[in-house]
């Protein structure tokens, strides 16, 4: 099976990315509605009486802001994944068209690398914020993810490979 062009593996992966893209939009929308509901219910805490939020074994009285903060973190994370998938969809569109070294793919890969790094830094910030708000909670453990940082480096290296490929293609087009 071919890797590039119509009917190739890249076109199959593009279809999968399209489905994931739509699912992420639905997920971000649902989390947004849940976040709005949590904020509205925080004005009437009796409505959230059945939902127990605990920190360090003690139940938290005003759950609305805590739930909203968690949902906001989920929405931001899903939004970052949504941007990554959108960039990958564009990259795979060029692969399906048979143009892997399209000059825009370099920018797209760099964007993916930056978003991956931002998501990892955001995870650290969320841990710091959640431990400040809920000091007795061990819900989010701090850990350095070498896999995530390795992925960031790999994406930036791939961006440079694509940049060099685009440069070589431009030079070849100029040759008679």
Protein backbone atom coordinates (compact mmCIF):
# COMPACT_ATOMS: atom_id res chain seq x y z
CA UNK A 1 0.00 0.00 0.00
CA UNK A 2 1.22 3.50 -0.81
CA UNK A 3 2.12 6.03 1.84
CA UNK A 4 1.20 9.18 -0.13
CA UNK A 5 -1.56 10.23 -2.50
CA UNK A 6 -5.25 9.40 -2.82
CA UNK A 7 -6.22 5.96 -1.52
CA UNK A 8 -3.04 5.71 0.56
CA UNK A 9 -2.32 5.19 4.23
CA UNK A 10 -2.08 8.96 4.66
CA UNK A 11 -5.60 9.44 3.26
CA UNK A 12 -6.90 6.78 5.67
CA UNK A 13 -5.18 8.54 8.59
CA UNK A 14 -6.65 11.86 7.40
CA UNK A 15 -10.15 10.35 7.68
CA UNK A 16 -9.39 9.16 11.22
CA UNK A 17 -8.13 12.65 12.11
CA UNK A 18 -11.34 14.15 10.70
CA UNK A 19 -13.43 11.91 12.97
CA UNK A 20 -11.26 12.72 16.00
CA UNK A 21 -11.50 16.44 15.16
CA UNK A 22 -15.31 16.35 15.20
CA UNK A 23 -15.32 14.28 18.41
CA UNK A 24 -13.01 16.79 20.08
CA UNK A 25 -15.27 19.68 19.10
CA UNK A 26 -18.21 17.82 20.62
CA UNK A 27 -16.16 17.09 23.76
CA UNK A 28 -15.05 20.70 24.17
CA UNK A 29 -18.67 21.83 23.74
CA UNK A 30 -19.93 19.34 26.33
CA UNK A 31 -17.23 20.34 28.82
CA UNK A 32 -18.10 24.01 28.22
CA UNK A 33 -21.76 23.35 28.98
CA UNK A 34 -20.82 21.34 32.09
CA UNK A 35 -18.55 24.17 33.21
CA UNK A 36 -21.37 26.68 32.81
CA UNK A 37 -23.73 24.36 34.70
CA UNK A 38 -21.21 23.95 37.54
CA UNK A 39 -20.89 27.72 37.82
CA UNK A 40 -24.65 28.17 37.85
CA UNK A 41 -25.12 25.41 40.42
CA UNK A 42 -22.49 27.01 42.65
CA UNK A 43 -24.97 29.81 43.30
CA UNK A 44 -27.35 27.19 44.70
CA UNK A 45 -25.13 24.62 46.50
CA UNK A 46 -28.06 22.42 47.51
CA UNK A 47 -28.37 21.32 43.88
CA UNK A 48 -24.88 19.77 44.08
CA UNK A 49 -25.50 18.10 47.46
CA UNK A 50 -25.30 14.58 45.99
CA UNK A 51 -21.90 15.21 44.41
CA UNK A 52 -19.15 14.77 46.98
CA UNK A 53 -15.82 16.47 46.31
CA UNK A 54 -13.17 15.56 48.85
CA UNK A 55 -9.67 16.78 49.53
CA UNK A 56 -7.51 14.91 52.00
CA UNK A 57 -10.49 12.92 53.24
CA UNK A 58 -12.55 16.01 54.06
CA UNK A 59 -15.55 17.06 52.02
CA UNK A 60 -15.37 20.47 50.39
CA UNK A 61 -18.37 22.65 51.11
CA UNK A 62 -18.47 24.91 48.06
CA UNK A 63 -17.98 22.45 45.19
CA UNK A 64 -18.92 24.69 42.25
CA UNK A 65 -15.62 26.55 41.86
CA UNK A 66 -13.57 23.37 42.35
CA UNK A 67 -15.58 21.46 39.76
CA UNK A 68 -15.44 24.44 37.41
CA UNK A 69 -11.66 24.66 37.76
CA UNK A 70 -11.30 20.98 36.91
CA UNK A 71 -13.61 21.35 33.92
CA UNK A 72 -11.72 24.44 32.77
CA UNK A 73 -8.45 22.48 32.89
CA UNK A 74 -10.09 19.71 30.87
CA UNK A 75 -11.43 22.21 28.32
CA UNK A 76 -8.02 23.88 27.91
CA UNK A 77 -6.33 20.51 27.51
CA UNK A 78 -8.91 19.34 24.96
CA UNK A 79 -8.57 22.67 23.15
CA UNK A 80 -4.82 22.11 22.86
CA UNK A 81 -5.40 18.62 21.48
CA UNK A 82 -7.95 20.12 19.08
CA UNK A 83 -5.35 22.56 17.72
CA UNK A 84 -2.84 19.71 17.32
CA UNK A 85 -5.36 17.55 15.46
CA UNK A 86 -6.32 20.52 13.23
CA UNK A 87 -2.66 21.02 12.28
CA UNK A 88 -2.20 17.29 11.65
CA UNK A 89 -5.30 17.28 9.43
CA UNK A 90 -3.71 20.01 7.30
CA UNK A 91 -0.41 18.13 7.14
CA UNK A 92 -2.15 14.93 6.10
CA UNK A 93 -4.11 16.85 3.46
CA UNK A 94 -0.82 17.75 1.81
CA UNK A 95 0.37 14.15 2.16
CA UNK A 96 -2.83 12.90 0.52
CA UNK A 97 -2.28 15.42 -2.27
CA UNK A 98 1.20 13.94 -2.77
CA UNK A 99 3.03 17.07 -1.57
CA UNK A 100 4.76 16.11 1.69
CA UNK A 101 7.28 18.95 1.66
CA UNK A 102 4.74 21.74 1.41
CA UNK A 103 6.33 24.84 2.99
CA UNK A 104 3.37 25.31 5.38
CA UNK A 105 4.01 21.89 6.95
CA UNK A 106 7.09 23.29 8.69
CA UNK A 107 4.98 25.94 10.45
CA UNK A 108 2.31 23.38 11.25
CA UNK A 109 4.78 20.98 12.83
CA UNK A 110 6.33 23.78 14.88
CA UNK A 111 2.85 24.70 16.09
CA UNK A 112 2.26 21.09 17.13
CA UNK A 113 5.55 21.11 19.05
CA UNK A 114 4.70 24.38 20.80
CA UNK A 115 1.23 23.16 21.77
CA UNK A 116 2.66 19.87 23.08
CA UNK A 117 5.16 21.83 25.19
CA UNK A 118 2.40 24.19 26.34
CA UNK A 119 0.18 21.28 27.39
CA UNK A 120 2.99 19.79 29.44
CA UNK A 121 3.77 23.15 31.08
CA UNK A 122 0.04 23.61 31.65
CA UNK A 123 -0.04 20.27 33.45
CA UNK A 124 2.65 21.55 35.82
CA UNK A 125 0.75 24.81 36.34
CA UNK A 126 -2.48 22.91 37.02
CA UNK A 127 -0.69 20.79 39.61
CA UNK A 128 0.69 23.89 41.33
CA UNK A 129 -2.68 25.63 41.29
CA UNK A 130 -4.59 22.58 42.51
CA UNK A 131 -2.13 22.00 45.34
CA UNK A 132 -2.48 25.65 46.34
CA UNK A 133 -6.30 25.49 46.30
CA UNK A 134 -6.57 21.96 47.73
CA UNK A 135 -3.38 21.53 49.81
CA UNK A 136 -4.32 18.11 51.24
CA UNK A 137 -5.31 16.64 47.89
CA UNK A 138 -3.13 14.15 46.06
CA UNK A 139 -5.41 14.11 43.02
CA UNK A 140 -2.71 15.33 40.65
CA UNK A 141 0.79 14.03 41.19
CA UNK A 142 3.71 16.08 39.90
CA UNK A 143 5.99 14.14 37.62
CA UNK A 144 8.36 14.99 34.84
CA UNK A 145 7.20 13.17 31.73
CA UNK A 146 10.25 12.36 29.67
CA UNK A 147 8.01 10.88 26.98
CA UNK A 148 6.18 14.18 26.53
CA UNK A 149 9.39 16.20 26.30
CA UNK A 150 10.94 13.64 23.95
CA UNK A 151 7.84 13.96 21.73
CA UNK A 152 8.25 17.74 21.68
CA UNK A 153 11.87 17.39 20.58
CA UNK A 154 10.97 14.81 17.91
CA UNK A 155 8.30 17.10 16.44
CA UNK A 156 10.74 20.03 16.27
CA UNK A 157 13.35 17.82 14.58
CA UNK A 158 10.73 16.64 12.08
CA UNK A 159 9.84 20.28 11.40
CA UNK A 160 13.47 20.93 10.50
CA UNK A 161 13.54 17.83 8.28
CA UNK A 162 10.45 19.13 6.47
CA UNK A 163 12.06 22.58 6.20
CA UNK A 164 15.13 21.06 4.58
CA UNK A 165 12.93 18.97 2.26
CA UNK A 166 11.01 22.08 1.20
CA UNK A 167 14.30 23.91 0.57
CA UNK A 168 15.65 21.06 -1.57
CA UNK A 169 12.39 20.94 -3.52
CA UNK A 170 12.58 24.69 -4.22
CA UNK A 171 16.16 24.27 -5.45
CA UNK A 172 15.16 21.37 -7.68
CA UNK A 173 12.32 23.43 -9.18
CA UNK A 174 14.80 26.17 -10.06
CA UNK A 175 17.14 23.77 -11.90
CA UNK A 176 16.69 23.46 -15.60
